[in-house]
Amino acid sequence: MGKSMRNKKRKKINMGRFLPESVECNNCHEMLTDIEAMDPKPFPGIDGIGCARCPVCRDYTWAFVGEAEAVLMAKEALMETYME
């Protein structure tokens, strides 16, 4: 594995370090464990953002970790972006 690949893998691990091990699907309540970590840098006050796609209903569920007001702002921004 090259240096660039190792750096990407390390960054991915660091982005996900604040996320829970599982989340409940907002639609069908299936427990989801495959949470894709996202870069929280664009959102001040957010420590971690993750998204999981439910294999049962195919809906997306987001996980946010951070300050309450920052979580609300990040959620609104991502919903506008991904729900259009």
Protein backbone atom coordinates (compact mmCIF):
# COMPACT_ATOMS: atom_id res chain seq x y z
CA MET A 1 0.00 0.00 0.00
CA GLY A 2 1.43 3.38 -1.03
CA LYS A 3 1.85 6.41 1.22
CA SER A 4 -1.13 8.21 -0.35
CA MET A 5 -3.41 5.22 0.28
CA ARG A 6 -2.22 4.93 3.89
CA ASN A 7 -2.88 8.65 4.46
CA LYS A 8 -6.41 8.35 3.03
CA LYS A 9 -7.11 5.31 5.22
CA ARG A 10 -5.76 7.10 8.32
CA LYS A 11 -7.86 10.20 7.56
CA LYS A 12 -10.98 8.00 7.15
CA ILE A 13 -10.36 6.36 10.53
CA ASN A 14 -9.85 9.75 12.19
CA MET A 15 -13.08 11.11 10.67
CA GLY A 16 -15.04 8.18 12.05
CA ARG A 17 -13.56 8.05 15.53
CA PHE A 18 -16.47 9.97 17.08
CA LEU A 19 -19.25 8.00 15.35
CA PRO A 20 -21.35 5.33 17.07
CA GLU A 21 -20.87 1.67 16.13
CA SER A 22 -24.47 1.48 14.94
CA VAL A 23 -27.49 3.67 14.22
CA GLU A 24 -31.17 2.85 13.81
CA CYS A 25 -32.65 3.41 10.36
CA ASN A 26 -34.96 6.43 10.49
CA ASN A 27 -37.41 4.69 8.17
CA CYS A 28 -37.69 0.98 9.06
CA HIS A 29 -35.73 0.85 12.37
CA GLU A 30 -33.20 -1.72 11.14
CA MET A 31 -29.88 -1.46 13.03
CA LEU A 32 -27.18 -0.18 10.67
CA THR A 33 -23.49 -0.81 11.29
CA ASP A 34 -21.93 0.22 7.96
CA ILE A 35 -21.58 3.95 8.66
CA GLU A 36 -19.57 5.91 6.10
CA ALA A 37 -17.57 8.67 7.82
CA MET A 38 -17.59 12.10 6.21
CA ASP A 39 -15.28 15.07 6.69
CA PRO A 40 -16.77 17.36 9.37
CA LYS A 41 -14.39 20.28 8.63
CA PRO A 42 -16.98 22.32 6.68
CA PHE A 43 -19.16 22.35 9.82
CA PRO A 44 -17.68 24.16 12.84
CA GLY A 45 -18.74 22.51 16.11
CA ILE A 46 -19.18 19.07 14.52
CA ASP A 47 -16.85 16.27 15.63
CA GLY A 48 -18.18 13.55 13.34
CA ILE A 49 -20.65 12.98 10.50
CA GLY A 50 -21.62 9.62 9.11
CA CYS A 51 -24.15 8.24 6.69
CA ALA A 52 -25.54 4.71 6.46
CA ARG A 53 -27.76 3.25 3.74
CA CYS A 54 -30.25 0.68 4.97
CA PRO A 55 -30.03 -2.65 3.12
CA VAL A 56 -33.71 -3.34 3.89
CA CYS A 57 -35.54 -0.15 2.84
CA ARG A 58 -32.63 1.56 0.96
CA ASP A 59 -33.18 4.82 2.92
CA TYR A 60 -30.27 6.93 4.21
CA THR A 61 -29.72 7.68 7.91
CA TRP A 62 -27.28 10.33 9.10
CA ALA A 63 -25.30 10.35 12.33
CA PHE A 64 -23.97 13.61 13.77
CA VAL A 65 -21.74 14.17 16.80
CA GLY A 66 -21.06 17.67 18.08
CA GLU A 67 -22.57 20.76 19.64
CA ALA A 68 -26.41 20.80 19.47
CA GLU A 69 -26.72 23.99 17.43
CA ALA A 70 -23.96 22.90 15.03
CA VAL A 71 -25.68 19.53 14.54
CA LEU A 72 -28.94 21.26 13.58
CA MET A 73 -27.16 23.52 11.10
CA ALA A 74 -25.19 20.64 9.54
CA LYS A 75 -28.32 18.49 9.29
CA GLU A 76 -30.22 21.28 7.51
CA ALA A 77 -27.35 21.91 5.10
CA LEU A 78 -26.93 18.23 4.21
CA MET A 79 -30.67 17.68 3.85
CA GLU A 80 -30.86 20.59 1.36
CA THR A 81 -27.93 19.17 -0.57
CA TYR A 82 -28.95 15.50 -0.64
CA MET A 83 -32.74 15.73 -0.70
CA GLU A 84 -33.07 17.92 -3.80
